[in-house]
Amino acid sequence: MAGAVRTMCEAVRKALTAALGALQRGDADAARAVMAGDAAIDRQEEDIERLCLRLLGARPHAGGEPDVRALAAAYKVVTDLERVGDHAAAIARSALRMQGETPLPVFIDIERMGALASEMLDGAVAALGAGDAAAARAVAEGDDGVDALYDQVFRALLTYMLDDRQAVRQATNLLFVASALERIADHATNVCEWAIFAATGQRVELND
């Protein structure tokens, strides 16, 4: 099960990286490929959910309660991963709308947001697979950095929109991108919460 979740995470990561690359390069073909690939991520979610339900219904559970917790966590985690895939597709749509435009200088901070959110996603899934609650808590702390960058990007984009009417369209699209990345970090935090549940049986709320 852990392997299937890692595979889905890798597919989502590739989609996110490709979407950000399409945005940076103005690559319409790459953006369309990300959007088309979202259906495959949806199918991965459905396949893992069905497998989890089948295994949860099997008796006896050879590993006892911890195996049940791990399956329950995987069932919930794939929903967050699927939504990350949706956000990647949304970023790709913004890339299509911005085709031919040179990204505003603030894009460097959006790239940093993308890198941090991707690292969080990787770390969260790794913590889930390893049953490492401490690692999950450490990964979730990265959400503060993403939020800080989002606030910085939001202020910069608002300034562009107020100072230059020609920049409004691009700034609006980049704001959609930044919002999607902030939500991706939130979904990674959710994965961390389920990793802690799988390891300890405790439901916690991180980064309230």
N, C-alpha and C. Protein backbone atom coordinates (compact mmCIF):
# COMPACT_ATOMS: atom_id res chain seq x y z
N MET A 1 0.82 -1.20 0.00
CA MET A 1 0.00 0.00 0.00
C MET A 1 0.86 1.26 0.00
N ALA A 2 1.91 1.24 0.83
CA ALA A 2 2.80 2.40 0.90
C ALA A 2 3.41 2.68 -0.46
N GLY A 3 3.75 1.61 -1.18
CA GLY A 3 4.33 1.79 -2.50
C GLY A 3 3.36 2.45 -3.47
N ALA A 4 2.08 2.09 -3.41
CA ALA A 4 1.08 2.69 -4.28
C ALA A 4 0.91 4.17 -3.97
N VAL A 5 0.93 4.51 -2.69
CA VAL A 5 0.80 5.92 -2.30
C VAL A 5 2.02 6.71 -2.77
N ARG A 6 3.22 6.11 -2.62
CA ARG A 6 4.43 6.80 -3.10
C ARG A 6 4.38 7.00 -4.61
N THR A 7 3.88 6.01 -5.33
CA THR A 7 3.77 6.13 -6.79
C THR A 7 2.82 7.27 -7.17
N MET A 8 1.70 7.34 -6.46
CA MET A 8 0.76 8.43 -6.73
C MET A 8 1.38 9.77 -6.39
N CYS A 9 2.11 9.83 -5.28
CA CYS A 9 2.78 11.07 -4.89
C CYS A 9 3.77 11.50 -5.97
N GLU A 10 4.51 10.56 -6.53
CA GLU A 10 5.47 10.89 -7.57
C GLU A 10 4.76 11.42 -8.81
N ALA A 11 3.63 10.85 -9.16
CA ALA A 11 2.87 11.34 -10.31
C ALA A 11 2.39 12.76 -10.07
N VAL A 12 1.95 13.02 -8.85
CA VAL A 12 1.49 14.36 -8.50
C VAL A 12 2.65 15.35 -8.52
N ARG A 13 3.80 14.93 -7.97
CA ARG A 13 4.98 15.78 -7.99
C ARG A 13 5.39 16.13 -9.41
N LYS A 14 5.40 15.14 -10.29
CA LYS A 14 5.77 15.39 -11.70
C LYS A 14 4.80 16.37 -12.34
N ALA A 15 3.52 16.21 -12.03
CA ALA A 15 2.52 17.13 -12.59
C ALA A 15 2.77 18.55 -12.10
N LEU A 16 3.07 18.70 -10.83
CA LEU A 16 3.32 20.03 -10.27
C LEU A 16 4.56 20.65 -10.89
N THR A 17 5.64 19.88 -10.99
CA THR A 17 6.88 20.39 -11.59
C THR A 17 6.65 20.79 -13.04
N ALA A 18 5.92 19.95 -13.77
CA ALA A 18 5.65 20.25 -15.18
C ALA A 18 4.78 21.49 -15.33
N ALA A 19 3.81 21.66 -14.44
CA ALA A 19 2.94 22.83 -14.50
C ALA A 19 3.72 24.11 -14.25
N LEU A 20 4.59 24.08 -13.25
CA LEU A 20 5.40 25.26 -12.95
C LEU A 20 6.38 25.54 -14.10
N GLY A 21 6.93 24.48 -14.68
CA GLY A 21 7.82 24.66 -15.82
C GLY A 21 7.09 25.25 -17.02
N ALA A 22 5.87 24.78 -17.26
CA ALA A 22 5.07 25.31 -18.37
C ALA A 22 4.77 26.78 -18.15
N LEU A 23 4.52 27.14 -16.91
CA LEU A 23 4.25 28.53 -16.58
C LEU A 23 5.48 29.40 -16.84
N GLN A 24 6.63 28.92 -16.42
CA GLN A 24 7.86 29.69 -16.57
C GLN A 24 8.25 29.85 -18.04
N ARG A 25 8.08 28.78 -18.82
CA ARG A 25 8.53 28.80 -20.22
C ARG A 25 7.44 29.24 -21.19
N GLY A 26 6.21 29.36 -20.70
CA GLY A 26 5.11 29.64 -21.61
C GLY A 26 4.86 28.48 -22.56
N ASP A 27 4.98 27.26 -22.04
CA ASP A 27 4.90 26.05 -22.86
C ASP A 27 3.48 25.51 -22.84
N ALA A 28 2.73 25.81 -23.90
CA ALA A 28 1.32 25.40 -23.95
C ALA A 28 1.18 23.89 -24.03
N ASP A 29 2.06 23.22 -24.77
CA ASP A 29 1.96 21.77 -24.89
C ASP A 29 2.17 21.08 -23.54
N ALA A 30 3.15 21.55 -22.77
CA ALA A 30 3.40 20.98 -21.45
C ALA A 30 2.21 21.23 -20.52
N ALA A 31 1.62 22.41 -20.61
CA ALA A 31 0.47 22.72 -19.77
C ALA A 31 -0.71 21.80 -20.11
N ARG A 32 -0.94 21.59 -21.40
CA ARG A 32 -2.04 20.71 -21.80
C ARG A 32 -1.79 19.27 -21.35
N ALA A 33 -0.52 18.86 -21.38
CA ALA A 33 -0.19 17.49 -20.95
C ALA A 33 -0.50 17.31 -19.47
N VAL A 34 -0.20 18.32 -18.66
CA VAL A 34 -0.53 18.25 -17.23
C VAL A 34 -2.04 18.13 -17.04
N MET A 35 -2.78 18.94 -17.76
CA MET A 35 -4.23 18.91 -17.63
C MET A 35 -4.80 17.56 -18.06
N ALA A 36 -4.26 17.01 -19.14
CA ALA A 36 -4.73 15.71 -19.62
C ALA A 36 -4.37 14.60 -18.65
N GLY A 37 -3.22 14.73 -17.99
CA GLY A 37 -2.76 13.70 -17.07
C GLY A 37 -3.51 13.66 -15.75
N ASP A 38 -4.31 14.67 -15.47
CA ASP A 38 -5.03 14.71 -14.19
C ASP A 38 -5.99 13.53 -14.06
N ALA A 39 -6.53 13.07 -15.18
CA ALA A 39 -7.47 11.94 -15.13
C ALA A 39 -6.77 10.67 -14.63
N ALA A 40 -5.50 10.49 -14.99
CA ALA A 40 -4.75 9.31 -14.52
C ALA A 40 -4.54 9.36 -13.02
N ILE A 41 -4.29 10.56 -12.49
CA ILE A 41 -4.14 10.73 -11.04
C ILE A 41 -5.46 10.40 -10.34
N ASP A 42 -6.56 10.83 -10.94
CA ASP A 42 -7.88 10.51 -10.38
C ASP A 42 -8.07 8.99 -10.31
N ARG A 43 -7.65 8.30 -11.36
CA ARG A 43 -7.80 6.84 -11.37
C ARG A 43 -6.93 6.18 -10.31
N GLN A 44 -5.73 6.73 -10.09
CA GLN A 44 -4.88 6.19 -9.03
C GLN A 44 -5.57 6.31 -7.68
N GLU A 45 -6.18 7.46 -7.43
CA GLU A 45 -6.91 7.64 -6.18
C GLU A 45 -7.99 6.57 -6.03
N GLU A 46 -8.77 6.38 -7.08
CA GLU A 46 -9.86 5.41 -7.03
C GLU A 46 -9.33 3.99 -6.80
N ASP A 47 -8.25 3.64 -7.48
CA ASP A 47 -7.68 2.30 -7.32
C ASP A 47 -7.20 2.05 -5.90
N ILE A 48 -6.52 3.04 -5.32
CA ILE A 48 -6.01 2.88 -3.95
C ILE A 48 -7.16 2.82 -2.96
N GLU A 49 -8.18 3.64 -3.17
CA GLU A 49 -9.34 3.59 -2.28
C GLU A 49 -9.99 2.20 -2.30
N ARG A 50 -10.16 1.66 -3.51
CA ARG A 50 -10.78 0.33 -3.61
C ARG A 50 -9.92 -0.73 -2.92
N LEU A 51 -8.59 -0.63 -3.09
CA LEU A 51 -7.69 -1.58 -2.45
C LEU A 51 -7.77 -1.46 -0.93
N CYS A 52 -7.79 -0.23 -0.44
CA CYS A 52 -7.89 -0.02 1.02
C CYS A 52 -9.17 -0.64 1.57
N LEU A 53 -10.28 -0.41 0.89
CA LEU A 53 -11.55 -0.94 1.37
C LEU A 53 -11.54 -2.46 1.34
N ARG A 54 -10.95 -3.03 0.30
CA ARG A 54 -10.89 -4.50 0.23
C ARG A 54 -10.04 -5.06 1.36
N LEU A 55 -8.90 -4.43 1.63
CA LEU A 55 -8.02 -4.92 2.68
C LEU A 55 -8.62 -4.69 4.07
N LEU A 56 -9.31 -3.56 4.22
CA LEU A 56 -9.95 -3.29 5.51
C LEU A 56 -11.07 -4.30 5.79
N GLY A 57 -11.69 -4.79 4.72
CA GLY A 57 -12.76 -5.76 4.89
C GLY A 57 -12.27 -7.19 5.07
N ALA A 58 -10.99 -7.41 4.83
CA ALA A 58 -10.45 -8.76 4.96
C ALA A 58 -10.22 -9.09 6.43
N ARG A 59 -10.43 -10.34 6.81
CA ARG A 59 -10.21 -10.76 8.19
C ARG A 59 -9.48 -12.11 8.18
N PRO A 60 -8.59 -12.32 9.13
CA PRO A 60 -8.15 -11.34 10.13
C PRO A 60 -7.09 -10.41 9.56
N HIS A 61 -6.85 -9.30 10.25
CA HIS A 61 -5.76 -8.40 9.89
C HIS A 61 -4.48 -8.95 10.52
N ALA A 62 -3.61 -9.43 9.69
CA ALA A 62 -2.42 -10.12 10.20
C ALA A 62 -1.60 -9.22 11.10
N GLY A 63 -1.55 -7.95 10.80
CA GLY A 63 -0.71 -7.05 11.60
C GLY A 63 -1.43 -6.40 12.75
N GLY A 64 -2.72 -6.67 12.90
CA GLY A 64 -3.46 -6.08 14.00
C GLY A 64 -3.80 -4.63 13.74
N GLU A 65 -4.04 -3.88 14.81
CA GLU A 65 -4.52 -2.50 14.73
C GLU A 65 -3.62 -1.57 13.92
N PRO A 66 -2.30 -1.64 14.06
CA PRO A 66 -1.46 -0.72 13.27
C PRO A 66 -1.70 -0.83 11.77
N ASP A 67 -1.90 -2.05 11.26
CA ASP A 67 -2.20 -2.21 9.83
C ASP A 67 -3.51 -1.54 9.46
N VAL A 68 -4.50 -1.64 10.33
CA VAL A 68 -5.78 -1.00 10.09
C VAL A 68 -5.60 0.51 10.04
N ARG A 69 -4.82 1.04 10.97
CA ARG A 69 -4.57 2.49 10.98
C ARG A 69 -3.87 2.92 9.70
N ALA A 70 -2.90 2.16 9.26
CA ALA A 70 -2.15 2.50 8.06
C ALA A 70 -3.07 2.51 6.84
N LEU A 71 -3.96 1.54 6.76
CA LEU A 71 -4.89 1.49 5.63
C LEU A 71 -5.87 2.66 5.68
N ALA A 72 -6.36 2.97 6.87
CA ALA A 72 -7.29 4.09 7.01
C ALA A 72 -6.60 5.40 6.63
N ALA A 73 -5.33 5.55 7.05
CA ALA A 73 -4.58 6.76 6.71
C ALA A 73 -4.36 6.85 5.20
N ALA A 74 -3.99 5.74 4.57
CA ALA A 74 -3.78 5.75 3.12
C ALA A 74 -5.06 6.13 2.39
N TYR A 75 -6.19 5.63 2.88
CA TYR A 75 -7.49 5.94 2.26
C TYR A 75 -7.75 7.44 2.28
N LYS A 76 -7.37 8.11 3.38
CA LYS A 76 -7.59 9.54 3.49
C LYS A 76 -6.53 10.34 2.72
N VAL A 77 -5.29 9.86 2.76
CA VAL A 77 -4.18 10.59 2.15
C VAL A 77 -4.37 10.75 0.65
N VAL A 78 -4.88 9.71 -0.02
CA VAL A 78 -4.99 9.81 -1.48
C VAL A 78 -5.97 10.90 -1.90
N THR A 79 -6.90 11.26 -1.03
CA THR A 79 -7.79 12.38 -1.34
C THR A 79 -7.00 13.67 -1.41
N ASP A 80 -6.08 13.85 -0.45
CA ASP A 80 -5.24 15.05 -0.49
C ASP A 80 -4.32 15.05 -1.70
N LEU A 81 -3.78 13.89 -2.05
CA LEU A 81 -2.91 13.82 -3.22
C LEU A 81 -3.69 14.14 -4.50
N GLU A 82 -4.92 13.64 -4.59
CA GLU A 82 -5.74 13.93 -5.77
C GLU A 82 -6.00 15.42 -5.88
N ARG A 83 -6.22 16.07 -4.77
CA ARG A 83 -6.48 17.50 -4.81
C ARG A 83 -5.22 18.29 -5.19
N VAL A 84 -4.06 17.78 -4.78
CA VAL A 84 -2.81 18.40 -5.24
C VAL A 84 -2.72 18.29 -6.76
N GLY A 85 -3.11 17.14 -7.30
CA GLY A 85 -3.14 16.99 -8.75
C GLY A 85 -4.08 18.00 -9.40
N ASP A 86 -5.22 18.24 -8.77
CA ASP A 86 -6.16 19.25 -9.28
C ASP A 86 -5.52 20.63 -9.30
N HIS A 87 -4.79 20.95 -8.23
CA HIS A 87 -4.12 22.26 -8.17
C HIS A 87 -3.04 22.37 -9.24
N ALA A 88 -2.33 21.28 -9.50
CA ALA A 88 -1.33 21.30 -10.56
C ALA A 88 -1.99 21.58 -11.91
N ALA A 89 -3.15 20.96 -12.14
CA ALA A 89 -3.88 21.21 -13.38
C ALA A 89 -4.34 22.66 -13.46
N ALA A 90 -4.73 23.23 -12.32
CA ALA A 90 -5.15 24.63 -12.30
C ALA A 90 -3.97 25.55 -12.64
N ILE A 91 -2.79 25.21 -12.12
CA ILE A 91 -1.60 25.99 -12.46
C ILE A 91 -1.32 25.90 -13.95
N ALA A 92 -1.51 24.71 -14.52
CA ALA A 92 -1.31 24.53 -15.96
C ALA A 92 -2.29 25.40 -16.75
N ARG A 93 -3.53 25.50 -16.29
CA ARG A 93 -4.50 26.36 -16.97
C ARG A 93 -4.06 27.82 -16.92
N SER A 94 -3.49 28.24 -15.80
CA SER A 94 -2.96 29.60 -15.71
C SER A 94 -1.81 29.79 -16.68
N ALA A 95 -0.99 28.75 -16.84
CA ALA A 95 0.12 28.82 -17.80
C ALA A 95 -0.41 29.05 -19.21
N LEU A 96 -1.50 28.38 -19.56
CA LEU A 96 -2.09 28.57 -20.89
C LEU A 96 -2.59 30.01 -21.05
N ARG A 97 -3.21 30.53 -20.02
CA ARG A 97 -3.73 31.90 -20.10
C ARG A 97 -2.60 32.92 -20.22
N MET A 98 -1.42 32.58 -19.70
CA MET A 98 -0.28 33.50 -19.72
C MET A 98 0.69 33.23 -20.86
N GLN A 99 0.32 32.36 -21.78
CA GLN A 99 1.23 31.99 -22.85
C GLN A 99 1.73 33.23 -23.60
N GLY A 100 3.04 33.29 -23.82
CA GLY A 100 3.63 34.40 -24.55
C GLY A 100 4.01 35.58 -23.69
N GLU A 101 3.66 35.56 -22.41
CA GLU A 101 3.99 36.65 -21.51
C GLU A 101 5.27 36.33 -20.73
N THR A 102 6.08 37.35 -20.49
CA THR A 102 7.26 37.19 -19.65
C THR A 102 6.82 37.29 -18.19
N PRO A 103 7.11 36.27 -17.38
CA PRO A 103 6.65 36.32 -15.99
C PRO A 103 7.17 37.54 -15.24
N LEU A 104 6.33 38.10 -14.40
CA LEU A 104 6.75 39.21 -13.54
C LEU A 104 7.87 38.75 -12.60
N PRO A 105 8.70 39.69 -12.13
CA PRO A 105 9.82 39.31 -11.26
C PRO A 105 9.42 38.51 -10.03
N VAL A 106 8.20 38.71 -9.54
CA VAL A 106 7.75 38.00 -8.34
C VAL A 106 7.67 36.50 -8.58
N PHE A 107 7.75 36.07 -9.84
CA PHE A 107 7.66 34.63 -10.13
C PHE A 107 8.75 33.84 -9.42
N ILE A 108 9.88 34.47 -9.13
CA ILE A 108 10.96 33.74 -8.43
C ILE A 108 10.49 33.28 -7.06
N ASP A 109 9.65 34.08 -6.41
CA ASP A 109 9.11 33.68 -5.11
C ASP A 109 8.06 32.59 -5.26
N ILE A 110 7.33 32.61 -6.37
CA ILE A 110 6.36 31.54 -6.64
C ILE A 110 7.10 30.23 -6.88
N GLU A 111 8.24 30.30 -7.57
CA GLU A 111 9.06 29.10 -7.75
C GLU A 111 9.53 28.56 -6.41
N ARG A 112 9.91 29.44 -5.50
CA ARG A 112 10.32 29.01 -4.17
C ARG A 112 9.16 28.36 -3.43
N MET A 113 7.98 28.93 -3.57
CA MET A 113 6.80 28.30 -2.96
C MET A 113 6.60 26.90 -3.52
N GLY A 114 6.75 26.75 -4.84
CA GLY A 114 6.57 25.45 -5.46
C GLY A 114 7.58 24.43 -4.95
N ALA A 115 8.83 24.86 -4.80
CA ALA A 115 9.87 23.96 -4.31
C ALA A 115 9.58 23.52 -2.88
N LEU A 116 9.19 24.47 -2.04
CA LEU A 116 8.91 24.14 -0.64
C LEU A 116 7.69 23.23 -0.51
N ALA A 117 6.64 23.53 -1.27
CA ALA A 117 5.44 22.69 -1.21
C ALA A 117 5.74 21.28 -1.70
N SER A 118 6.56 21.16 -2.74
CA SER A 118 6.93 19.83 -3.25
C SER A 118 7.75 19.06 -2.23
N GLU A 119 8.68 19.75 -1.57
CA GLU A 119 9.49 19.10 -0.52
C GLU A 119 8.60 18.62 0.62
N MET A 120 7.62 19.44 0.99
CA MET A 120 6.70 19.04 2.05
C MET A 120 5.94 17.79 1.66
N LEU A 121 5.48 17.76 0.42
CA LEU A 121 4.71 16.61 -0.04
C LEU A 121 5.55 15.34 0.01
N ASP A 122 6.78 15.43 -0.48
CA ASP A 122 7.68 14.27 -0.44
C ASP A 122 7.93 13.81 1.00
N GLY A 123 8.22 14.78 1.86
CA GLY A 123 8.53 14.44 3.25
C GLY A 123 7.35 13.85 3.98
N ALA A 124 6.16 14.36 3.68
CA ALA A 124 4.96 13.85 4.35
C ALA A 124 4.70 12.40 3.96
N VAL A 125 4.81 12.09 2.67
CA VAL A 125 4.58 10.72 2.22
C VAL A 125 5.68 9.80 2.74
N ALA A 126 6.92 10.28 2.81
CA ALA A 126 8.01 9.47 3.36
C ALA A 126 7.76 9.17 4.83
N ALA A 127 7.28 10.17 5.59
CA ALA A 127 6.98 9.96 7.01
C ALA A 127 5.85 8.95 7.17
N LEU A 128 4.86 9.02 6.29
CA LEU A 128 3.76 8.06 6.33
C LEU A 128 4.29 6.64 6.09
N GLY A 129 5.13 6.49 5.09
CA GLY A 129 5.65 5.16 4.77
C GLY A 129 6.54 4.60 5.85
N ALA A 130 7.28 5.50 6.53
CA ALA A 130 8.20 5.06 7.57
C ALA A 130 7.54 4.93 8.94
N GLY A 131 6.29 5.39 9.06
CA GLY A 131 5.63 5.38 10.36
C GLY A 131 6.32 6.28 11.35
N ASP A 132 6.82 7.44 10.88
CA ASP A 132 7.65 8.33 11.69
C ASP A 132 6.86 9.58 12.04
N ALA A 133 6.27 9.62 13.23
CA ALA A 133 5.45 10.74 13.66
C ALA A 133 6.30 12.00 13.84
N ALA A 134 7.51 11.85 14.37
CA ALA A 134 8.38 13.01 14.58
C ALA A 134 8.74 13.68 13.26
N ALA A 135 9.04 12.86 12.26
CA ALA A 135 9.37 13.40 10.94
C ALA A 135 8.16 14.13 10.35
N ALA A 136 6.97 13.58 10.56
CA ALA A 136 5.76 14.22 10.04
C ALA A 136 5.57 15.59 10.66
N ARG A 137 5.80 15.69 11.96
CA ARG A 137 5.67 16.99 12.63
C ARG A 137 6.69 17.98 12.08
N ALA A 138 7.91 17.52 11.84
CA ALA A 138 8.96 18.40 11.32
C ALA A 138 8.60 18.89 9.92
N VAL A 139 8.08 17.99 9.08
CA VAL A 139 7.69 18.39 7.73
C VAL A 139 6.60 19.45 7.77
N ALA A 140 5.62 19.28 8.65
CA ALA A 140 4.49 20.20 8.72
C ALA A 140 4.93 21.61 9.10
N GLU A 141 6.06 21.73 9.79
CA GLU A 141 6.55 23.05 10.16
C GLU A 141 6.89 23.89 8.93
N GLY A 142 7.14 23.24 7.79
CA GLY A 142 7.45 23.98 6.57
C GLY A 142 6.29 24.80 6.05
N ASP A 143 5.08 24.51 6.53
CA ASP A 143 3.91 25.25 6.06
C ASP A 143 4.01 26.73 6.39
N ASP A 144 4.67 27.06 7.51
CA ASP A 144 4.83 28.47 7.88
C ASP A 144 5.64 29.21 6.82
N GLY A 145 6.67 28.56 6.29
CA GLY A 145 7.48 29.20 5.27
C GLY A 145 6.70 29.44 3.98
N VAL A 146 5.87 28.49 3.60
CA VAL A 146 5.04 28.66 2.41
C VAL A 146 4.03 29.78 2.63
N ASP A 147 3.42 29.82 3.80
CA ASP A 147 2.46 30.89 4.10
C ASP A 147 3.12 32.26 4.06
N ALA A 148 4.35 32.35 4.60
CA ALA A 148 5.06 33.63 4.58
C ALA A 148 5.34 34.08 3.15
N LEU A 149 5.76 33.15 2.32
CA LEU A 149 6.00 33.48 0.91
C LEU A 149 4.71 33.89 0.21
N TYR A 150 3.61 33.20 0.54
CA TYR A 150 2.34 33.57 -0.06
C TYR A 150 1.96 35.01 0.28
N ASP A 151 2.12 35.37 1.54
CA ASP A 151 1.81 36.75 1.96
C ASP A 151 2.68 37.74 1.19
N GLN A 152 3.95 37.40 1.02
CA GLN A 152 4.88 38.27 0.31
C GLN A 152 4.47 38.41 -1.16
N VAL A 153 4.14 37.29 -1.78
CA VAL A 153 3.71 37.30 -3.18
C VAL A 153 2.40 38.07 -3.34
N PHE A 154 1.47 37.85 -2.42
CA PHE A 154 0.18 38.54 -2.49
C PHE A 154 0.38 40.05 -2.47
N ARG A 155 1.22 40.53 -1.57
CA ARG A 155 1.45 41.98 -1.48
C ARG A 155 2.11 42.51 -2.75
N ALA A 156 3.08 41.75 -3.27
CA ALA A 156 3.76 42.19 -4.49
C ALA A 156 2.80 42.25 -5.67
N LEU A 157 1.96 41.22 -5.81
CA LEU A 157 1.03 41.19 -6.93
C LEU A 157 -0.03 42.28 -6.81
N LEU A 158 -0.46 42.56 -5.60
CA LEU A 158 -1.42 43.64 -5.39
C LEU A 158 -0.81 44.98 -5.81
N THR A 159 0.47 45.18 -5.49
CA THR A 159 1.16 46.40 -5.88
C THR A 159 1.23 46.52 -7.40
N TYR A 160 1.56 45.41 -8.07
CA TYR A 160 1.58 45.43 -9.54
C TYR A 160 0.22 45.84 -10.10
N MET A 161 -0.83 45.26 -9.55
CA MET A 161 -2.17 45.55 -10.07
C MET A 161 -2.57 47.00 -9.85
N LEU A 162 -2.13 47.58 -8.74
CA LEU A 162 -2.47 48.97 -8.45
C LEU A 162 -1.64 49.95 -9.26
N ASP A 163 -0.39 49.58 -9.55
CA ASP A 163 0.53 50.51 -10.21
C ASP A 163 0.54 50.41 -11.73
N ASP A 164 0.14 49.28 -12.27
CA ASP A 164 0.27 49.07 -13.71
C ASP A 164 -0.93 48.28 -14.22
N ARG A 165 -1.84 48.96 -14.92
CA ARG A 165 -3.04 48.29 -15.42
C ARG A 165 -2.69 47.16 -16.38
N GLN A 166 -1.56 47.29 -17.08
CA GLN A 166 -1.16 46.26 -18.03
C GLN A 166 -0.77 44.95 -17.33
N ALA A 167 -0.44 45.05 -16.05
CA ALA A 167 0.01 43.88 -15.31
C ALA A 167 -1.12 43.14 -14.61
N VAL A 168 -2.34 43.70 -14.66
CA VAL A 168 -3.45 43.14 -13.89
C VAL A 168 -3.74 41.70 -14.30
N ARG A 169 -3.80 41.44 -15.59
CA ARG A 169 -4.17 40.10 -16.05
C ARG A 169 -3.16 39.06 -15.58
N GLN A 170 -1.87 39.34 -15.79
CA GLN A 170 -0.86 38.37 -15.37
C GLN A 170 -0.81 38.24 -13.85
N ALA A 171 -0.92 39.37 -13.16
CA ALA A 171 -0.86 39.33 -11.70
C ALA A 171 -2.01 38.50 -11.14
N THR A 172 -3.18 38.60 -11.77
CA THR A 172 -4.33 37.81 -11.32
C THR A 172 -4.07 36.33 -11.51
N ASN A 173 -3.51 35.97 -12.66
CA ASN A 173 -3.19 34.56 -12.90
C ASN A 173 -2.13 34.04 -11.93
N LEU A 174 -1.13 34.86 -11.66
CA LEU A 174 -0.08 34.44 -10.72
C LEU A 174 -0.63 34.33 -9.30
N LEU A 175 -1.62 35.15 -8.99
CA LEU A 175 -2.25 35.02 -7.68
C LEU A 175 -2.98 33.70 -7.56
N PHE A 176 -3.62 33.25 -8.65
CA PHE A 176 -4.24 31.92 -8.66
C PHE A 176 -3.19 30.84 -8.42
N VAL A 177 -2.03 31.00 -9.05
CA VAL A 177 -0.96 30.01 -8.90
C VAL A 177 -0.47 29.98 -7.46
N ALA A 178 -0.21 31.16 -6.90
CA ALA A 178 0.28 31.22 -5.52
C ALA A 178 -0.72 30.62 -4.54
N SER A 179 -2.00 30.90 -4.78
CA SER A 179 -3.04 30.33 -3.91
C SER A 179 -3.06 28.81 -4.02
N ALA A 180 -2.89 28.28 -5.24
CA ALA A 180 -2.86 26.83 -5.42
C ALA A 180 -1.68 26.22 -4.67
N LEU A 181 -0.52 26.86 -4.72
CA LEU A 181 0.66 26.34 -4.03
C LEU A 181 0.47 26.39 -2.51
N GLU A 182 -0.16 27.44 -2.03
CA GLU A 182 -0.43 27.52 -0.58
C GLU A 182 -1.35 26.39 -0.14
N ARG A 183 -2.32 26.06 -0.99
CA ARG A 183 -3.23 24.97 -0.67
C ARG A 183 -2.51 23.62 -0.75
N ILE A 184 -1.58 23.49 -1.69
CA ILE A 184 -0.81 22.25 -1.79
C ILE A 184 -0.04 22.00 -0.49
N ALA A 185 0.54 23.05 0.06
CA ALA A 185 1.25 22.90 1.34
C ALA A 185 0.28 22.49 2.44
N ASP A 186 -0.94 23.01 2.40
CA ASP A 186 -1.95 22.60 3.38
C ASP A 186 -2.29 21.12 3.23
N HIS A 187 -2.39 20.65 2.00
CA HIS A 187 -2.67 19.23 1.79
C HIS A 187 -1.50 18.37 2.27
N ALA A 188 -0.28 18.84 2.07
CA ALA A 188 0.88 18.11 2.59
C ALA A 188 0.81 18.04 4.11
N THR A 189 0.36 19.12 4.75
CA THR A 189 0.18 19.11 6.20
C THR A 189 -0.86 18.08 6.62
N ASN A 190 -1.93 17.98 5.84
CA ASN A 190 -2.95 16.96 6.13
C ASN A 190 -2.34 15.56 6.07
N VAL A 191 -1.48 15.33 5.08
CA VAL A 191 -0.82 14.02 4.98
C VAL A 191 0.02 13.77 6.23
N CYS A 192 0.67 14.80 6.73
CA CYS A 192 1.46 14.67 7.96
C CYS A 192 0.57 14.26 9.13
N GLU A 193 -0.61 14.85 9.20
CA GLU A 193 -1.53 14.50 10.28
C GLU A 193 -1.94 13.02 10.20
N TRP A 194 -2.16 12.54 8.99
CA TRP A 194 -2.52 11.13 8.84
C TRP A 194 -1.33 10.22 9.08
N ALA A 195 -0.12 10.70 8.79
CA ALA A 195 1.08 9.92 9.10
C ALA A 195 1.21 9.72 10.61
N ILE A 196 0.90 10.78 11.36
CA ILE A 196 0.95 10.69 12.81
C ILE A 196 -0.12 9.72 13.32
N PHE A 197 -1.30 9.79 12.73
CA PHE A 197 -2.36 8.86 13.12
C PHE A 197 -1.95 7.41 12.86
N ALA A 198 -1.37 7.18 11.66
CA ALA A 198 -0.97 5.81 11.32
C ALA A 198 0.07 5.28 12.29
N ALA A 199 0.96 6.17 12.75
CA ALA A 199 2.05 5.75 13.63
C ALA A 199 1.62 5.61 15.09
N THR A 200 0.69 6.48 15.53
CA THR A 200 0.39 6.55 16.96
C THR A 200 -1.06 6.29 17.33
N GLY A 201 -1.96 6.39 16.34
CA GLY A 201 -3.38 6.27 16.64
C GLY A 201 -4.00 7.56 17.12
N GLN A 202 -3.22 8.66 17.17
CA GLN A 202 -3.71 9.96 17.64
C GLN A 202 -4.04 10.85 16.45
N ARG A 203 -5.19 11.52 16.53
CA ARG A 203 -5.56 12.52 15.52
C ARG A 203 -5.14 13.87 16.03
N VAL A 204 -4.31 14.56 15.30
CA VAL A 204 -3.81 15.87 15.71
C VAL A 204 -4.13 16.89 14.64
N GLU A 205 -4.17 18.15 15.06
CA GLU A 205 -4.35 19.27 14.13
C GLU A 205 -3.04 20.06 14.13
N LEU A 206 -2.36 20.06 13.00
CA LEU A 206 -1.09 20.75 12.89
C LEU A 206 -1.29 22.12 12.23
N ASN A 207 -0.50 23.09 12.68
CA ASN A 207 -0.47 24.42 12.06
C ASN A 207 -1.82 25.11 12.08
N ASP A 208 -2.52 25.03 13.20
CA ASP A 208 -3.80 25.74 13.32
C ASP A 208 -3.55 27.25 13.30
